[in-house]
Amino acid sequence: MKVTNKSKALQGVHTKSGVQYIAPGDSVDVELTEAGLKGAKRLDFLVVGESKKADSDKK
């Protein structure tokens, strides 16, 4: 899952392999936990979407 940090501060998300920090303006491709996904989606400054790998798997 692709997560983008739109804030001006370092942000962390809970992945299946631990906490992944995302620098301001950066995007990461991670496998979020169920709770991590729920938490990330409720924050306006984190944009959660499908990963590029998931998009290419559909083709």
PDB file of N, CA and C in Angstrom:
ATOM      1  N   MET A   1       0.843  -1.153   0.000  1.00  0.00           N
ATOM      2  CA  MET A   1       0.000   0.000   0.000  1.00  0.00           C
ATOM      3  C   MET A   1       0.902   1.234   0.000  1.00  0.00           C
ATOM      4  N   LYS A   2       0.574   2.203  -0.827  1.00  0.00           N
ATOM      5  CA  LYS A   2       1.355   3.433  -0.905  1.00  0.00           C
ATOM      6  C   LYS A   2       0.813   4.436   0.113  1.00  0.00           C
ATOM      7  N   VAL A   3       1.711   5.001   0.916  1.00  0.00           N
ATOM      8  CA  VAL A   3       1.337   6.018   1.899  1.00  0.00           C
ATOM      9  C   VAL A   3       2.209   7.247   1.651  1.00  0.00           C
ATOM     10  N   THR A   4       1.565   8.414   1.520  1.00  0.00           N
ATOM     11  CA  THR A   4       2.257   9.676   1.289  1.00  0.00           C
ATOM     12  C   THR A   4       2.052  10.598   2.480  1.00  0.00           C
ATOM     13  N   ASN A   5       3.126  11.212   2.932  1.00  0.00           N
ATOM     14  CA  ASN A   5       3.089  12.149   4.052  1.00  0.00           C
ATOM     15  C   ASN A   5       3.004  13.570   3.501  1.00  0.00           C
ATOM     16  N   LYS A   6       1.849  14.218   3.661  1.00  0.00           N
ATOM     17  CA  LYS A   6       1.657  15.594   3.192  1.00  0.00           C
ATOM     18  C   LYS A   6       1.953  16.626   4.277  1.00  0.00           C
ATOM     19  N   SER A   7       2.353  16.203   5.459  1.00  0.00           N
ATOM     20  CA  SER A   7       2.616  17.150   6.546  1.00  0.00           C
ATOM     21  C   SER A   7       4.032  17.716   6.426  1.00  0.00           C
ATOM     22  N   LYS A   8       4.348  18.656   7.304  1.00  0.00           N
ATOM     23  CA  LYS A   8       5.683  19.254   7.334  1.00  0.00           C
ATOM     24  C   LYS A   8       6.581  18.574   8.360  1.00  0.00           C
ATOM     25  N   ALA A   9       6.095  17.489   8.952  1.00  0.00           N
ATOM     26  CA  ALA A   9       6.848  16.779   9.989  1.00  0.00           C
ATOM     27  C   ALA A   9       6.969  15.295   9.648  1.00  0.00           C
ATOM     28  N   LEU A  10       7.972  14.649  10.207  1.00  0.00           N
ATOM     29  CA  LEU A  10       8.150  13.209  10.074  1.00  0.00           C
ATOM     30  C   LEU A  10       6.941  12.504  10.684  1.00  0.00           C
ATOM     31  N   GLN A  11       6.399  11.510   9.987  1.00  0.00           N
ATOM     32  CA  GLN A  11       5.237  10.764  10.473  1.00  0.00           C
ATOM     33  C   GLN A  11       5.561   9.274  10.437  1.00  0.00           C
ATOM     34  N   GLY A  12       4.933   8.521  11.323  1.00  0.00           N
ATOM     35  CA  GLY A  12       5.135   7.079  11.371  1.00  0.00           C
ATOM     36  C   GLY A  12       3.840   6.333  11.144  1.00  0.00           C
ATOM     37  N   VAL A  13       3.937   5.178  10.484  1.00  0.00           N
ATOM     38  CA  VAL A  13       2.783   4.301  10.284  1.00  0.00           C
ATOM     39  C   VAL A  13       3.158   2.910  10.785  1.00  0.00           C
ATOM     40  N   HIS A  14       2.164   2.170  11.243  1.00  0.00           N
ATOM     41  CA  HIS A  14       2.394   0.828  11.780  1.00  0.00           C
ATOM     42  C   HIS A  14       2.258  -0.202  10.663  1.00  0.00           C
ATOM     43  N   THR A  15       3.380  -0.850  10.339  1.00  0.00           N
ATOM     44  CA  THR A  15       3.405  -1.867   9.297  1.00  0.00           C
ATOM     45  C   THR A  15       3.543  -3.242   9.941  1.00  0.00           C
ATOM     46  N   LYS A  16       3.422  -4.272   9.136  1.00  0.00           N
ATOM     47  CA  LYS A  16       3.552  -5.640   9.646  1.00  0.00           C
ATOM     48  C   LYS A  16       4.969  -5.943  10.114  1.00  0.00           C
ATOM     49  N   SER A  17       5.949  -5.131   9.688  1.00  0.00           N
ATOM     50  CA  SER A  17       7.332  -5.343  10.129  1.00  0.00           C
ATOM     51  C   SER A  17       7.788  -4.295  11.145  1.00  0.00           C
ATOM     52  N   GLY A  18       6.862  -3.486  11.650  1.00  0.00           N
ATOM     53  CA  GLY A  18       7.197  -2.465  12.645  1.00  0.00           C
ATOM     54  C   GLY A  18       6.814  -1.079  12.161  1.00  0.00           C
ATOM     55  N   VAL A  19       7.239  -0.080  12.912  1.00  0.00           N
ATOM     56  CA  VAL A  19       6.911   1.305  12.556  1.00  0.00           C
ATOM     57  C   VAL A  19       7.800   1.759  11.403  1.00  0.00           C
ATOM     58  N   GLN A  20       7.184   2.357  10.391  1.00  0.00           N
ATOM     59  CA  GLN A  20       7.897   2.916   9.238  1.00  0.00           C
ATOM     60  C   GLN A  20       7.701   4.425   9.275  1.00  0.00           C
ATOM     61  N   TYR A  21       8.806   5.168   9.315  1.00  0.00           N
ATOM     62  CA  TYR A  21       8.721   6.623   9.335  1.00  0.00           C
ATOM     63  C   TYR A  21       8.767   7.158   7.914  1.00  0.00           C
ATOM     64  N   ILE A  22       7.988   8.218   7.672  1.00  0.00           N
ATOM     65  CA  ILE A  22       7.885   8.811   6.344  1.00  0.00           C
ATOM     66  C   ILE A  22       8.248  10.289   6.461  1.00  0.00           C
ATOM     67  N   ALA A  23       9.252  10.713   5.706  1.00  0.00           N
ATOM     68  CA  ALA A  23       9.679  12.110   5.714  1.00  0.00           C
ATOM     69  C   ALA A  23       8.613  12.989   5.057  1.00  0.00           C
ATOM     70  N   PRO A  24       8.584  14.271   5.395  1.00  0.00           N
ATOM     71  CA  PRO A  24       7.614  15.182   4.783  1.00  0.00           C
ATOM     72  C   PRO A  24       7.709  15.160   3.257  1.00  0.00           C
ATOM     73  N   GLY A  25       6.574  14.979   2.593  1.00  0.00           N
ATOM     74  CA  GLY A  25       6.523  14.963   1.131  1.00  0.00           C
ATOM     75  C   GLY A  25       6.870  13.629   0.493  1.00  0.00           C
ATOM     76  N   ASP A  26       7.335  12.671   1.254  1.00  0.00           N
ATOM     77  CA  ASP A  26       7.739  11.373   0.706  1.00  0.00           C
ATOM     78  C   ASP A  26       6.587  10.374   0.691  1.00  0.00           C
ATOM     79  N   SER A  27       6.753   9.349  -0.140  1.00  0.00           N
ATOM     80  CA  SER A  27       5.810   8.233  -0.211  1.00  0.00           C
ATOM     81  C   SER A  27       6.579   6.944   0.013  1.00  0.00           C
ATOM     82  N   VAL A  28       5.927   5.976   0.652  1.00  0.00           N
ATOM     83  CA  VAL A  28       6.523   4.657   0.854  1.00  0.00           C
ATOM     84  C   VAL A  28       5.510   3.593   0.467  1.00  0.00           C
ATOM     85  N   ASP A  29       6.012   2.458   0.049  1.00  0.00           N
ATOM     86  CA  ASP A  29       5.182   1.302  -0.273  1.00  0.00           C
ATOM     87  C   ASP A  29       5.327   0.325   0.890  1.00  0.00           C
ATOM     88  N   VAL A  30       4.277   0.143   1.687  1.00  0.00           N
ATOM     89  CA  VAL A  30       4.356  -0.673   2.897  1.00  0.00           C
ATOM     90  C   VAL A  30       3.142  -1.587   3.014  1.00  0.00           C
ATOM     91  N   GLU A  31       3.284  -2.599   3.857  1.00  0.00           N
ATOM     92  CA  GLU A  31       2.175  -3.493   4.190  1.00  0.00           C
ATOM     93  C   GLU A  31       1.708  -3.123   5.593  1.00  0.00           C
ATOM     94  N   LEU A  32       0.619  -2.351   5.660  1.00  0.00           N
ATOM     95  CA  LEU A  32       0.113  -1.859   6.939  1.00  0.00           C
ATOM     96  C   LEU A  32      -0.633  -2.942   7.699  1.00  0.00           C
ATOM     97  N   THR A  33      -0.573  -2.845   9.027  1.00  0.00           N
ATOM     98  CA  THR A  33      -1.423  -3.700   9.854  1.00  0.00           C
ATOM     99  C   THR A  33      -2.855  -3.180   9.725  1.00  0.00           C
ATOM    100  N   GLU A  34      -3.810  -3.952  10.196  1.00  0.00           N
ATOM    101  CA  GLU A  34      -5.205  -3.508  10.157  1.00  0.00           C
ATOM    102  C   GLU A  34      -5.375  -2.217  10.958  1.00  0.00           C
ATOM    103  N   ALA A  35      -4.786  -2.177  12.150  1.00  0.00           N
ATOM    104  CA  ALA A  35      -4.861  -0.974  12.986  1.00  0.00           C
ATOM    105  C   ALA A  35      -4.084   0.182  12.352  1.00  0.00           C
ATOM    106  N   GLY A  36      -2.952  -0.126  11.732  1.00  0.00           N
ATOM    107  CA  GLY A  36      -2.152   0.902  11.065  1.00  0.00           C
ATOM    108  C   GLY A  36      -2.891   1.536   9.909  1.00  0.00           C
ATOM    109  N   LEU A  37      -3.616   0.727   9.148  1.00  0.00           N
ATOM    110  CA  LEU A  37      -4.410   1.244   8.033  1.00  0.00           C
ATOM    111  C   LEU A  37      -5.524   2.141   8.550  1.00  0.00           C
ATOM    112  N   LYS A  38      -6.206   1.686   9.578  1.00  0.00           N
ATOM    113  CA  LYS A  38      -7.290   2.477  10.171  1.00  0.00           C
ATOM    114  C   LYS A  38      -6.755   3.819  10.676  1.00  0.00           C
ATOM    115  N   GLY A  39      -5.621   3.785  11.362  1.00  0.00           N
ATOM    116  CA  GLY A  39      -5.027   5.011  11.888  1.00  0.00           C
ATOM    117  C   GLY A  39      -4.568   5.956  10.793  1.00  0.00           C
ATOM    118  N   ALA A  40      -3.938   5.418   9.758  1.00  0.00           N
ATOM    119  CA  ALA A  40      -3.441   6.254   8.666  1.00  0.00           C
ATOM    120  C   ALA A  40      -4.586   6.909   7.897  1.00  0.00           C
ATOM    121  N   LYS A  41      -5.675   6.181   7.702  1.00  0.00           N
ATOM    122  CA  LYS A  41      -6.808   6.724   6.944  1.00  0.00           C
ATOM    123  C   LYS A  41      -7.518   7.854   7.680  1.00  0.00           C
ATOM    124  N   ARG A  42      -7.431   7.879   8.991  1.00  0.00           N
ATOM    125  CA  ARG A  42      -8.140   8.931   9.735  1.00  0.00           C
ATOM    126  C   ARG A  42      -7.344  10.230   9.809  1.00  0.00           C
ATOM    127  N   LEU A  43      -6.096  10.211   9.386  1.00  0.00           N
ATOM    128  CA  LEU A  43      -5.249  11.401   9.432  1.00  0.00           C
ATOM    129  C   LEU A  43      -5.241  12.099   8.072  1.00  0.00           C
ATOM    130  N   ASP A  44      -5.634  13.372   8.059  1.00  0.00           N
ATOM    131  CA  ASP A  44      -5.736  14.128   6.807  1.00  0.00           C
ATOM    132  C   ASP A  44      -4.404  14.298   6.093  1.00  0.00           C
ATOM    133  N   PHE A  45      -3.301  14.309   6.836  1.00  0.00           N
ATOM    134  CA  PHE A  45      -1.998  14.560   6.227  1.00  0.00           C
ATOM    135  C   PHE A  45      -1.334  13.300   5.666  1.00  0.00           C
ATOM    136  N   LEU A  46      -1.957  12.134   5.836  1.00  0.00           N
ATOM    137  CA  LEU A  46      -1.455  10.908   5.214  1.00  0.00           C
ATOM    138  C   LEU A  46      -2.417  10.486   4.113  1.00  0.00           C
ATOM    139  N   VAL A  47      -1.882  10.268   2.922  1.00  0.00           N
ATOM    140  CA  VAL A  47      -2.685   9.808   1.795  1.00  0.00           C
ATOM    141  C   VAL A  47      -2.388   8.330   1.602  1.00  0.00           C
ATOM    142  N   VAL A  48      -3.428   7.509   1.682  1.00  0.00           N
ATOM    143  CA  VAL A  48      -3.282   6.059   1.563  1.00  0.00           C
ATOM    144  C   VAL A  48      -3.908   5.618   0.250  1.00  0.00           C
ATOM    145  N   GLY A  49      -3.147   4.864  -0.548  1.00  0.00           N
ATOM    146  CA  GLY A  49      -3.660   4.367  -1.819  1.00  0.00           C
ATOM    147  C   GLY A  49      -3.024   3.046  -2.172  1.00  0.00           C
ATOM    148  N   GLU A  50      -3.390   2.533  -3.322  1.00  0.00           N
ATOM    149  CA  GLU A  50      -2.830   1.267  -3.800  1.00  0.00           C
ATOM    150  C   GLU A  50      -1.376   1.467  -4.203  1.00  0.00           C
ATOM    151  N   SER A  51      -0.581   0.457  -4.006  1.00  0.00           N
ATOM    152  CA  SER A  51       0.825   0.529  -4.396  1.00  0.00           C
ATOM    153  C   SER A  51       0.952   0.381  -5.900  1.00  0.00           C
ATOM    154  N   LYS A  52       2.078   0.822  -6.437  1.00  0.00           N
ATOM    155  CA  LYS A  52       2.328   0.674  -7.873  1.00  0.00           C
ATOM    156  C   LYS A  52       2.391  -0.805  -8.241  1.00  0.00           C
ATOM    157  N   LYS A  53       2.915  -1.636  -7.326  1.00  0.00           N
ATOM    158  CA  LYS A  53       2.990  -3.075  -7.573  1.00  0.00           C
ATOM    159  C   LYS A  53       1.585  -3.654  -7.711  1.00  0.00           C
ATOM    160  N   ALA A  54       0.673  -3.248  -6.841  1.00  0.00           N
ATOM    161  CA  ALA A  54      -0.708  -3.736  -6.907  1.00  0.00           C
ATOM    162  C   ALA A  54      -1.358  -3.293  -8.207  1.00  0.00           C
ATOM    163  N   ASP A  55      -1.061  -2.062  -8.647  1.00  0.00           N
ATOM    164  CA  ASP A  55      -1.611  -1.568  -9.905  1.00  0.00           C
ATOM    165  C   ASP A  55      -1.094  -2.386 -11.082  1.00  0.00           C
ATOM    166  N   SER A  56       0.205  -2.741 -11.073  1.00  0.00           N
ATOM    167  CA  SER A  56       0.775  -3.497 -12.184  1.00  0.00           C
ATOM    168  C   SER A  56       0.292  -4.943 -12.185  1.00  0.00           C
ATOM    169  N   ASP A  57      -0.081  -5.480 -11.018  1.00  0.00           N
ATOM    170  CA  ASP A  57      -0.603  -6.841 -10.944  1.00  0.00           C
ATOM    171  C   ASP A  57      -1.960  -6.961 -11.624  1.00  0.00           C
ATOM    172  N   LYS A  58      -2.699  -5.864 -11.704  1.00  0.00           N
ATOM    173  CA  LYS A  58      -4.034  -5.878 -12.293  1.00  0.00           C
ATOM    174  C   LYS A  58      -3.997  -5.918 -13.810  1.00  0.00           C
ATOM    175  N   LYS A  59      -2.846  -5.551 -14.403  1.00  0.00           N
ATOM    176  CA  LYS A  59      -2.742  -5.476 -15.870  1.00  0.00           C
ATOM    177  C   LYS A  59      -2.470  -6.824 -16.475  1.00  0.00           C
TER     178      LYS A  59
END
